[in-house]
Amino acid sequence: MVQQTREQWSGSRGFVLAVAGSAIGLGNIWKFPYMAGANGGGAFVLVYLLCILAIGVPIMIAEILVGRRGQSNPVAAMRAAAEESGVSPVWRLIGGMGVLAGFLILSFYSVIAGWALDYTLRGLTGALSGLGAEEAQAQFGSLLDSPGLQIFWHTLFMLICFLIVARGVRGGIEWAVGWMMPLLFLLILVLVGYGAWIGAFAEGFTFLFRPDFSQLGPESVLMALGQAFFSLSLGMGAVMAYGSYLSPQESIGRNTVVVITTDTIVALLAGLMIFPIVFSIGLEPPAGPGLLFQTLPYVFGQMVAGSFFGFLFFLLVVFAALTSAISLLEPATAYLMARRGLSRLQAAGILAVIAWILGIFSALSFNLMSGFHPLGFIDALSGKTFFDLLDGVTSNIMLPLGGLGVALFVGWRMKRAAVAEEVRLGSYFGLWYFVLRFVSPVLVVLVLLYSVGVLRG
């Protein structure tokens, strides 16, 4: 193991909250609950849990162990682990791709999080009260049409991310997730209780958990696979970077199980929070940003104390987005600090400015640059805006390739003795190692093929 002075989490609690915060994002709030409800309810949830065991647990453990073994940013950690095992240092490119993917995602993720900040203020000021369906659509459309408003919120969100990461691991990241994550759970429970109070809890529960295997086709299984992979922040360097701050005395396996359990519980609670609220006025829950920024504002506008609970909901979304965003900035910050010898303040500042500039182009993709298609000369990409391209390339290609690279590296190139020494899984090591080597890579390839549209119906 590489020995050097390095910041560490104060304990397993800080690590778990940080990694869980990285995993719990916008996808948990709207994507997973809708996918479950539309693809067999409890049947989909069961398949998703199996996919978590086959792809989420093995690769998350692998990413954490590489980070802790290398005691550095994802690029240097991969290089150190490769050198220790006597294999080509070219494997460091897997870490580099993860850092780059996470950084690019941060640039447009901040724009979407800015929408949530805008709606949080709307809820606080009572702007959601009595909102009609057409008014809700017009309100969101007005936000998208306003370059200045989007850039303002994007700037504010990026500034908050920078301030947290610049303060360091314990004083910044761990401090932030230490109060945001408990508050996030409290807000979810309050909103679940609100959903139960308004009277459509049974309908929402049935939509989410009733097993309907007739709705569970091959594509549903592929969707569950993809969600199991993407919802855990795998392949983007965040887990590896956070793992590098984990004490050697901490159990990687136990902490991984706690993180994944937390992430899954939040996703399920999000369904119990959203669906009763939507069903209470007889609506069907659509997928995508339209659910968050059109359907739910309209629903809150029709309910008793709806503006206040709308404020709580969007505050929850902001916290979920923020805990994810700081995990996207941290790997690149750690890399730049080590590569250029910069202070944390300098590295985080430079990267935040670059991400902010890229984010401006994403924000303009919804208005002034909506007709600009950077790769329009390619038929398959002819209608893609700058925002669409960043989202598609990072989510559909770079992240699966990163996860695949980590699985192949740890499973086939790292010395088995070094892997066993780091993970210390006891009698479960053989099973985990087998799944990582033979099962997870095949499943990640399926995720990649489905993400780029090869396996879609």
Protein backbone atom coordinates (compact mmCIF):
# COMPACT_ATOMS: atom_id res chain seq x y z
CA MET A 1 0.00 0.00 0.00
CA VAL A 2 1.19 3.52 -0.78
CA GLN A 3 2.05 5.33 2.44
CA GLN A 4 1.69 9.12 2.62
CA THR A 5 0.13 11.83 4.71
CA ARG A 6 -3.40 12.33 3.45
CA GLU A 7 -6.67 13.70 4.71
CA GLN A 8 -9.07 11.08 6.05
CA TRP A 9 -12.70 10.90 7.07
CA SER A 10 -13.20 11.20 10.81
CA GLY A 11 -14.81 7.76 10.74
CA SER A 12 -17.08 5.44 8.80
CA ARG A 13 -20.07 7.77 9.30
CA GLY A 14 -18.45 10.56 7.30
CA PHE A 15 -17.49 8.18 4.51
CA VAL A 16 -20.92 6.55 4.32
CA LEU A 17 -22.75 9.87 4.30
CA ALA A 18 -20.43 11.25 1.60
CA VAL A 19 -20.67 8.24 -0.72
CA ALA A 20 -24.41 7.88 -0.09
CA GLY A 21 -24.78 11.59 -0.80
CA SER A 22 -22.89 11.12 -4.05
CA ALA A 23 -25.21 8.28 -5.06
CA ILE A 24 -28.44 9.97 -3.96
CA GLY A 25 -29.24 12.49 -6.65
CA LEU A 26 -31.96 13.61 -9.02
CA GLY A 27 -32.27 10.09 -10.45
CA ASN A 28 -33.38 8.76 -7.07
CA ILE A 29 -36.04 11.43 -6.73
CA TRP A 30 -37.86 10.90 -10.02
CA LYS A 31 -36.27 8.27 -12.28
CA PHE A 32 -36.15 5.13 -10.16
CA PRO A 33 -39.67 5.42 -8.67
CA TYR A 34 -41.22 5.99 -12.10
CA MET A 35 -39.24 3.17 -13.71
CA ALA A 36 -40.35 0.80 -10.96
CA GLY A 37 -44.00 1.80 -11.21
CA ALA A 38 -44.10 1.57 -15.01
CA ASN A 39 -42.27 -1.77 -15.22
CA GLY A 40 -44.02 -4.13 -12.88
CA GLY A 41 -43.77 -2.37 -9.52
CA GLY A 42 -42.48 -4.85 -6.96
CA ALA A 43 -41.28 -7.17 -9.74
CA PHE A 44 -38.98 -4.42 -11.04
CA VAL A 45 -37.78 -3.62 -7.51
CA LEU A 46 -36.85 -7.29 -7.03
CA VAL A 47 -34.89 -7.38 -10.29
CA TYR A 48 -33.23 -4.07 -9.40
CA LEU A 49 -32.05 -5.47 -6.06
CA LEU A 50 -30.57 -8.51 -7.83
CA CYS A 51 -28.82 -6.18 -10.28
CA ILE A 52 -27.42 -4.20 -7.35
CA LEU A 53 -25.89 -7.40 -5.97
CA ALA A 54 -24.46 -8.38 -9.35
CA ILE A 55 -23.14 -5.02 -10.53
CA GLY A 56 -23.40 -2.35 -7.82
CA VAL A 57 -21.81 -4.06 -4.82
CA PRO A 58 -18.87 -5.68 -6.69
CA ILE A 59 -17.81 -2.57 -8.62
CA MET A 60 -18.28 -0.16 -5.72
CA ILE A 61 -16.06 -2.35 -3.55
CA ALA A 62 -13.50 -2.44 -6.39
CA GLU A 63 -13.49 1.36 -6.76
CA ILE A 64 -13.12 1.94 -3.02
CA LEU A 65 -10.26 -0.55 -2.70
CA VAL A 66 -8.31 1.01 -5.59
CA GLY A 67 -8.72 4.46 -4.07
CA ARG A 68 -7.63 3.35 -0.61
CA ARG A 69 -4.80 1.21 -1.97
CA GLY A 70 -3.41 4.06 -4.06
CA GLN A 71 -4.06 6.79 -1.44
CA SER A 72 -4.47 9.38 -4.15
CA ASN A 73 -6.77 10.80 -6.81
CA PRO A 74 -8.30 8.26 -9.26
CA VAL A 75 -5.59 8.72 -11.90
CA ALA A 76 -2.66 8.34 -9.51
CA ALA A 77 -4.41 5.59 -7.54
CA MET A 78 -4.93 3.50 -10.68
CA ARG A 79 -1.31 4.07 -11.70
CA ALA A 80 -0.01 3.12 -8.25
CA ALA A 81 -2.14 -0.03 -8.14
CA ALA A 82 -0.95 -0.96 -11.64
CA GLU A 83 2.70 -0.47 -10.76
CA GLU A 84 2.32 -2.52 -7.58
CA SER A 85 0.88 -5.39 -9.63
CA GLY A 86 3.49 -5.07 -12.36
CA VAL A 87 1.07 -4.17 -15.15
CA SER A 88 1.02 -1.29 -17.63
CA PRO A 89 0.44 2.17 -16.13
CA VAL A 90 -1.89 2.84 -19.08
CA TRP A 91 -4.67 1.66 -16.75
CA ARG A 92 -4.47 5.13 -15.20
CA LEU A 93 -6.50 6.30 -18.20
CA ILE A 94 -9.53 4.57 -16.67
CA GLY A 95 -9.19 6.82 -13.64
CA GLY A 96 -8.66 9.82 -15.90
CA MET A 97 -11.78 9.08 -17.88
CA GLY A 98 -13.80 8.85 -14.68
CA VAL A 99 -12.49 12.20 -13.43
CA LEU A 100 -13.26 13.85 -16.77
CA ALA A 101 -16.73 12.30 -16.97
CA GLY A 102 -17.64 13.48 -13.49
CA PHE A 103 -16.36 16.97 -14.18
CA LEU A 104 -18.34 17.26 -17.43
CA ILE A 105 -21.47 15.97 -15.70
CA LEU A 106 -21.00 18.60 -13.00
CA SER A 107 -21.13 21.37 -15.60
CA PHE A 108 -24.66 20.56 -16.77
CA TYR A 109 -25.87 18.99 -13.51
CA SER A 110 -25.36 22.41 -11.93
CA VAL A 111 -27.79 23.92 -14.45
CA ILE A 112 -30.53 21.42 -13.54
CA ALA A 113 -29.83 21.93 -9.84
CA GLY A 114 -30.24 25.64 -10.51
CA TRP A 115 -33.80 24.95 -11.64
CA ALA A 116 -34.43 23.32 -8.25
CA LEU A 117 -33.03 26.41 -6.48
CA ASP A 118 -35.41 28.58 -8.48
CA TYR A 119 -38.40 26.44 -7.53
CA THR A 120 -37.32 26.35 -3.89
CA LEU A 121 -37.60 30.13 -3.84
CA ARG A 122 -40.96 29.95 -5.62
CA GLY A 123 -42.27 27.62 -2.94
CA LEU A 124 -40.91 29.80 -0.15
CA THR A 125 -42.54 32.94 -1.56
CA GLY A 126 -45.89 31.24 -2.22
CA ALA A 127 -45.56 31.37 -6.02
CA LEU A 128 -46.79 27.75 -6.28
CA SER A 129 -50.13 28.46 -4.58
CA GLY A 130 -53.14 27.92 -6.83
CA LEU A 131 -50.96 27.09 -9.82
CA GLY A 132 -52.92 25.60 -12.73
CA ALA A 133 -51.63 23.00 -15.18
CA GLU A 134 -51.06 25.49 -18.00
CA GLU A 135 -49.53 27.99 -15.60
CA ALA A 136 -47.12 25.32 -14.31
CA GLN A 137 -46.00 24.50 -17.85
CA ALA A 138 -45.68 28.18 -18.72
CA GLN A 139 -43.68 28.82 -15.55
CA PHE A 140 -41.14 26.13 -16.39
CA GLY A 141 -41.02 27.23 -20.01
CA SER A 142 -40.35 30.78 -18.91
CA LEU A 143 -37.41 29.58 -16.81
CA LEU A 144 -35.93 27.63 -19.71
CA ASP A 145 -36.39 30.61 -22.02
CA SER A 146 -34.48 32.92 -19.66
CA PRO A 147 -30.68 32.71 -20.14
CA GLY A 148 -30.06 35.23 -17.37
CA LEU A 149 -32.18 33.45 -14.76
CA GLN A 150 -30.69 30.03 -15.52
CA ILE A 151 -27.14 31.37 -15.42
CA PHE A 152 -27.81 33.17 -12.12
CA TRP A 153 -28.97 29.98 -10.39
CA HIS A 154 -26.26 27.91 -12.07
CA THR A 155 -23.67 30.39 -10.78
CA LEU A 156 -25.05 30.29 -7.24
CA PHE A 157 -25.09 26.48 -7.15
CA MET A 158 -21.55 26.22 -8.52
CA LEU A 159 -20.34 28.76 -5.98
CA ILE A 160 -21.78 26.67 -3.14
CA CYS A 161 -20.07 23.54 -4.50
CA PHE A 162 -16.76 25.37 -4.73
CA LEU A 163 -16.97 26.71 -1.17
CA ILE A 164 -17.65 23.24 0.24
CA VAL A 165 -14.91 21.41 -1.67
CA ALA A 166 -12.38 24.20 -1.08
CA ARG A 167 -12.70 23.70 2.69
CA GLY A 168 -11.33 20.17 2.48
CA VAL A 169 -12.44 16.63 3.28
CA ARG A 170 -13.37 16.99 6.95
CA GLY A 171 -13.98 20.72 7.15
CA GLY A 172 -15.90 20.92 3.89
CA ILE A 173 -17.29 17.73 2.38
CA GLU A 174 -17.81 15.76 5.60
CA TRP A 175 -19.17 18.81 7.40
CA ALA A 176 -21.64 19.51 4.58
CA VAL A 177 -22.95 15.96 4.20
CA GLY A 178 -23.00 15.63 7.98
CA TRP A 179 -25.93 18.02 8.22
CA MET A 180 -27.42 17.83 4.73
CA MET A 181 -27.93 14.07 4.66
CA PRO A 182 -29.84 13.84 7.98
CA LEU A 183 -31.93 16.81 6.91
CA LEU A 184 -32.54 15.16 3.54
CA PHE A 185 -33.88 12.05 5.31
CA LEU A 186 -36.04 14.18 7.58
CA LEU A 187 -37.52 16.04 4.60
CA ILE A 188 -38.28 12.78 2.82
CA LEU A 189 -40.05 11.38 5.88
CA VAL A 190 -42.05 14.60 6.32
CA LEU A 191 -43.14 14.48 2.67
CA VAL A 192 -43.99 10.77 2.88
CA GLY A 193 -46.17 11.64 5.86
CA TYR A 194 -47.74 14.45 3.85
CA GLY A 195 -48.50 11.99 1.03
CA ALA A 196 -50.14 9.65 3.51
CA TRP A 197 -52.15 12.50 5.03
CA ILE A 198 -53.68 13.68 1.75
CA GLY A 199 -55.23 10.27 1.17
CA ALA A 200 -53.64 8.59 -1.87
CA PHE A 201 -50.91 6.67 -0.04
CA ALA A 202 -52.43 3.26 -0.74
CA GLU A 203 -52.61 3.97 -4.47
CA GLY A 204 -49.02 5.18 -4.53
CA PHE A 205 -47.82 2.17 -2.52
CA THR A 206 -49.61 -0.20 -4.88
CA PHE A 207 -48.16 1.50 -7.96
CA LEU A 208 -44.64 1.16 -6.60
CA PHE A 209 -44.66 -2.25 -4.91
CA ARG A 210 -47.38 -4.48 -6.38
CA PRO A 211 -45.55 -7.22 -8.34
CA ASP A 212 -46.77 -7.44 -11.93
CA PHE A 213 -44.45 -9.79 -13.79
CA SER A 214 -46.48 -9.37 -16.98
CA GLN A 215 -45.03 -5.84 -17.23
CA LEU A 216 -41.48 -7.08 -16.73
CA GLY A 217 -39.92 -7.72 -20.15
CA PRO A 218 -36.29 -8.00 -21.29
CA GLU A 219 -36.05 -4.22 -21.69
CA SER A 220 -37.26 -3.75 -18.12
CA VAL A 221 -34.40 -5.93 -16.92
CA LEU A 222 -31.93 -3.84 -18.92
CA MET A 223 -33.43 -0.68 -17.41
CA ALA A 224 -32.98 -2.16 -13.93
CA LEU A 225 -29.36 -2.99 -14.79
CA GLY A 226 -28.70 0.54 -15.97
CA GLN A 227 -30.34 2.10 -12.93
CA ALA A 228 -28.34 -0.18 -10.60
CA PHE A 229 -25.17 1.08 -12.24
CA PHE A 230 -25.88 4.78 -12.75
CA SER A 231 -27.62 5.42 -9.42
CA LEU A 232 -24.49 4.55 -7.42
CA SER A 233 -22.12 7.09 -9.01
CA LEU A 234 -19.94 4.34 -10.44
CA GLY A 235 -17.42 5.01 -13.18
CA MET A 236 -17.02 8.74 -12.47
CA GLY A 237 -14.12 8.76 -10.00
CA ALA A 238 -16.18 9.95 -7.04
CA VAL A 239 -16.28 6.63 -5.17
CA MET A 240 -12.59 6.03 -5.84
CA ALA A 241 -11.65 9.51 -4.64
CA TYR A 242 -13.73 9.16 -1.48
CA GLY A 243 -12.23 5.70 -0.92
CA SER A 244 -8.75 7.22 -0.87
CA TYR A 245 -9.72 9.10 2.32
CA LEU A 246 -10.98 5.94 4.08
CA SER A 247 -8.96 4.66 7.02
CA PRO A 248 -7.23 1.26 6.55
CA GLN A 249 -9.04 0.08 9.66
CA GLU A 250 -12.47 0.52 8.11
CA SER A 251 -14.27 -2.39 6.43
CA ILE A 252 -14.84 -1.71 2.73
CA GLY A 253 -17.49 -4.41 2.43
CA ARG A 254 -19.57 -3.30 5.41
CA ASN A 255 -19.45 0.35 4.41
CA THR A 256 -20.43 -0.51 0.83
CA VAL A 257 -23.49 -2.44 2.01
CA VAL A 258 -24.56 0.47 4.22
CA VAL A 259 -24.16 2.96 1.35
CA ILE A 260 -26.11 0.86 -1.14
CA THR A 261 -28.85 0.09 1.37
CA THR A 262 -29.20 3.80 2.13
CA ASP A 263 -29.36 4.69 -1.57
CA THR A 264 -32.05 2.07 -2.24
CA ILE A 265 -34.16 3.08 0.76
CA VAL A 266 -34.11 6.71 -0.36
CA ALA A 267 -35.17 5.74 -3.89
CA LEU A 268 -38.11 3.73 -2.54
CA LEU A 269 -39.11 6.45 -0.08
CA ALA A 270 -39.01 8.94 -2.95
CA GLY A 271 -41.68 6.88 -4.68
CA LEU A 272 -43.80 6.82 -1.53
CA MET A 273 -43.32 10.57 -1.34
CA ILE A 274 -44.14 11.50 -4.95
CA PHE A 275 -46.83 9.09 -6.14
CA PRO A 276 -49.42 9.66 -3.39
CA ILE A 277 -49.08 13.40 -3.99
CA VAL A 278 -49.53 13.03 -7.77
CA PHE A 279 -52.35 10.49 -7.51
CA SER A 280 -54.21 12.60 -4.95
CA ILE A 281 -55.62 14.81 -7.72
CA GLY A 282 -56.03 12.04 -10.29
CA LEU A 283 -52.90 12.56 -12.41
CA GLU A 284 -50.56 10.00 -13.95
CA PRO A 285 -46.86 10.42 -13.13
CA PRO A 286 -44.78 11.21 -16.22
CA ALA A 287 -41.05 10.55 -16.29
CA GLY A 288 -38.30 13.11 -16.74
CA PRO A 289 -37.84 16.72 -15.66
CA GLY A 290 -41.50 17.35 -16.50
CA LEU A 291 -42.50 15.45 -13.37
CA LEU A 292 -40.32 17.62 -11.11
CA PHE A 293 -40.82 21.00 -12.69
CA GLN A 294 -44.29 20.86 -14.25
CA THR A 295 -46.46 18.12 -12.78
CA LEU A 296 -45.45 18.46 -9.12
CA PRO A 297 -45.63 22.30 -9.02
CA TYR A 298 -49.17 22.03 -10.41
CA VAL A 299 -50.05 19.32 -7.86
CA PHE A 300 -48.65 21.35 -4.96
CA GLY A 301 -50.58 24.34 -6.26
CA GLN A 302 -53.87 22.46 -5.84
CA MET A 303 -53.27 21.19 -2.31
CA VAL A 304 -53.67 22.47 1.23
CA ALA A 305 -50.41 24.11 2.33
CA GLY A 306 -49.07 23.03 -1.06
CA SER A 307 -46.68 25.93 -1.51
CA PHE A 308 -44.99 25.19 1.83
CA PHE A 309 -44.64 21.49 1.08
CA GLY A 310 -43.49 22.38 -2.42
CA PHE A 311 -40.76 24.45 -0.80
CA LEU A 312 -39.75 21.46 1.35
CA PHE A 313 -39.74 19.17 -1.70
CA PHE A 314 -37.50 21.36 -3.82
CA LEU A 315 -35.23 22.01 -0.85
CA LEU A 316 -34.87 18.22 -0.68
CA VAL A 317 -34.01 18.14 -4.39
CA VAL A 318 -31.37 20.85 -3.87
CA PHE A 319 -29.72 18.90 -1.04
CA ALA A 320 -29.71 15.70 -3.11
CA ALA A 321 -28.19 17.56 -6.06
CA LEU A 322 -25.60 19.32 -3.91
CA THR A 323 -24.30 16.17 -2.19
CA SER A 324 -23.89 14.62 -5.65
CA ALA A 325 -22.29 17.71 -7.18
CA ILE A 326 -19.53 18.05 -4.58
CA SER A 327 -18.56 14.43 -5.28
CA LEU A 328 -18.19 15.35 -8.96
CA LEU A 329 -15.89 18.28 -8.23
CA GLU A 330 -13.71 16.51 -5.64
CA PRO A 331 -11.94 13.93 -7.92
CA ALA A 332 -10.85 16.60 -10.41
CA THR A 333 -9.76 18.87 -7.53
CA ALA A 334 -7.65 16.10 -5.98
CA TYR A 335 -6.10 15.37 -9.39
CA LEU A 336 -5.20 18.99 -10.10
CA MET A 337 -3.73 19.43 -6.62
CA ALA A 338 -1.44 16.43 -7.10
CA ARG A 339 -0.63 17.11 -10.74
CA ARG A 340 0.14 20.84 -10.51
CA GLY A 341 0.97 21.24 -6.84
CA LEU A 342 -1.87 23.68 -6.33
CA SER A 343 -3.61 24.37 -3.05
CA ARG A 344 -7.10 22.98 -2.63
CA LEU A 345 -8.53 26.49 -2.85
CA GLN A 346 -6.72 27.16 -6.14
CA ALA A 347 -7.58 23.80 -7.72
CA ALA A 348 -11.24 23.90 -6.74
CA GLY A 349 -11.50 27.51 -7.90
CA ILE A 350 -10.00 26.89 -11.34
CA LEU A 351 -12.19 23.84 -11.93
CA ALA A 352 -15.34 25.54 -10.68
CA VAL A 353 -14.80 28.39 -13.14
CA ILE A 354 -14.26 26.00 -16.06
CA ALA A 355 -17.34 23.96 -15.12
CA TRP A 356 -19.29 27.20 -14.75
CA ILE A 357 -18.32 28.30 -18.27
CA LEU A 358 -19.29 24.92 -19.75
CA GLY A 359 -22.55 25.11 -17.81
CA ILE A 360 -23.40 28.41 -19.46
CA PHE A 361 -23.38 26.68 -22.84
CA SER A 362 -25.69 24.00 -21.41
CA ALA A 363 -28.05 26.66 -20.06
CA LEU A 364 -28.08 28.41 -23.44
CA SER A 365 -28.96 25.09 -25.11
CA PHE A 366 -32.55 25.64 -23.94
CA ASN A 367 -32.88 29.12 -25.46
CA LEU A 368 -30.35 31.16 -27.43
CA MET A 369 -28.37 28.11 -28.58
CA SER A 370 -31.29 25.69 -28.96
CA GLY A 371 -30.73 25.61 -32.72
CA PHE A 372 -26.98 25.02 -32.42
CA HIS A 373 -26.06 21.36 -32.98
CA PRO A 374 -22.27 20.96 -32.61
CA LEU A 375 -22.18 17.57 -34.36
CA GLY A 376 -25.06 18.17 -36.71
CA PHE A 377 -23.06 16.77 -39.63
CA ILE A 378 -23.49 13.30 -38.08
CA ASP A 379 -26.98 11.97 -38.81
CA ALA A 380 -27.41 10.23 -35.46
CA LEU A 381 -26.46 13.44 -33.64
CA SER A 382 -28.05 15.97 -35.97
CA GLY A 383 -30.63 17.18 -33.45
CA LYS A 384 -28.42 17.15 -30.34
CA THR A 385 -27.72 20.40 -28.52
CA PHE A 386 -24.57 21.06 -26.49
CA PHE A 387 -26.44 19.91 -23.36
CA ASP A 388 -27.66 16.72 -25.08
CA LEU A 389 -24.16 15.82 -26.28
CA LEU A 390 -22.54 16.25 -22.87
CA ASP A 391 -25.28 14.23 -21.21
CA GLY A 392 -25.21 11.48 -23.84
CA VAL A 393 -21.45 11.04 -24.09
CA THR A 394 -20.82 11.02 -20.33
CA SER A 395 -23.81 8.96 -19.17
CA ASN A 396 -24.10 6.53 -22.08
CA ILE A 397 -20.45 5.93 -22.93
CA MET A 398 -17.86 7.23 -20.47
CA LEU A 399 -19.43 5.99 -17.22
CA PRO A 400 -20.08 2.40 -18.39
CA LEU A 401 -16.58 2.22 -19.89
CA GLY A 402 -15.15 3.48 -16.61
CA GLY A 403 -17.04 0.89 -14.58
CA LEU A 404 -16.02 -1.85 -17.00
CA GLY A 405 -12.39 -0.77 -16.81
CA VAL A 406 -12.36 -0.89 -13.00
CA ALA A 407 -13.97 -4.36 -12.95
CA LEU A 408 -11.45 -5.73 -15.46
CA PHE A 409 -8.48 -4.09 -13.74
CA VAL A 410 -9.26 -5.27 -10.21
CA GLY A 411 -10.60 -8.65 -11.34
CA TRP A 412 -7.92 -9.56 -13.87
CA ARG A 413 -4.83 -7.34 -13.54
CA MET A 414 -4.35 -6.49 -9.87
CA LYS A 415 -2.58 -9.11 -7.80
CA ARG A 416 -5.15 -11.24 -6.02
CA ALA A 417 -3.17 -11.03 -2.78
CA ALA A 418 -3.27 -7.22 -2.86
CA VAL A 419 -7.00 -7.24 -3.54
CA ALA A 420 -7.69 -9.70 -0.71
CA GLU A 421 -5.53 -7.71 1.70
CA GLU A 422 -7.49 -4.55 1.00
CA VAL A 423 -11.10 -5.79 1.00
CA ARG A 424 -10.86 -8.38 3.80
CA LEU A 425 -14.17 -10.08 2.99
CA GLY A 426 -13.28 -13.37 4.65
CA SER A 427 -15.34 -16.31 3.40
CA TYR A 428 -17.25 -14.00 1.03
CA PHE A 429 -14.13 -13.01 -0.90
CA GLY A 430 -14.32 -15.88 -3.38
CA LEU A 431 -17.93 -15.14 -4.29
CA TRP A 432 -17.32 -11.40 -4.67
CA TYR A 433 -14.17 -11.99 -6.74
CA PHE A 434 -15.96 -14.41 -9.05
CA VAL A 435 -18.86 -12.02 -9.63
CA LEU A 436 -16.48 -9.11 -10.24
CA ARG A 437 -14.46 -11.07 -12.79
CA PHE A 438 -17.12 -12.96 -14.71
CA VAL A 439 -20.55 -11.45 -14.04
CA SER A 440 -20.15 -7.70 -13.56
CA PRO A 441 -18.18 -7.04 -16.79
CA VAL A 442 -20.82 -8.79 -18.90
CA LEU A 443 -23.60 -6.82 -17.22
CA VAL A 444 -21.77 -3.50 -17.69
CA VAL A 445 -21.37 -4.29 -21.39
CA LEU A 446 -25.15 -4.82 -21.53
CA VAL A 447 -25.62 -1.45 -19.80
CA LEU A 448 -23.33 0.18 -22.37
CA LEU A 449 -25.14 -1.40 -25.33
CA TYR A 450 -28.53 -0.45 -23.94
CA SER A 451 -27.40 3.10 -23.16
CA VAL A 452 -26.26 3.73 -26.73
CA GLY A 453 -29.49 2.25 -28.09
CA VAL A 454 -28.22 -1.06 -29.48
CA LEU A 455 -30.50 -3.17 -27.26
CA ARG A 456 -33.49 -0.88 -27.09
CA GLY A 457 -36.80 -2.02 -28.49
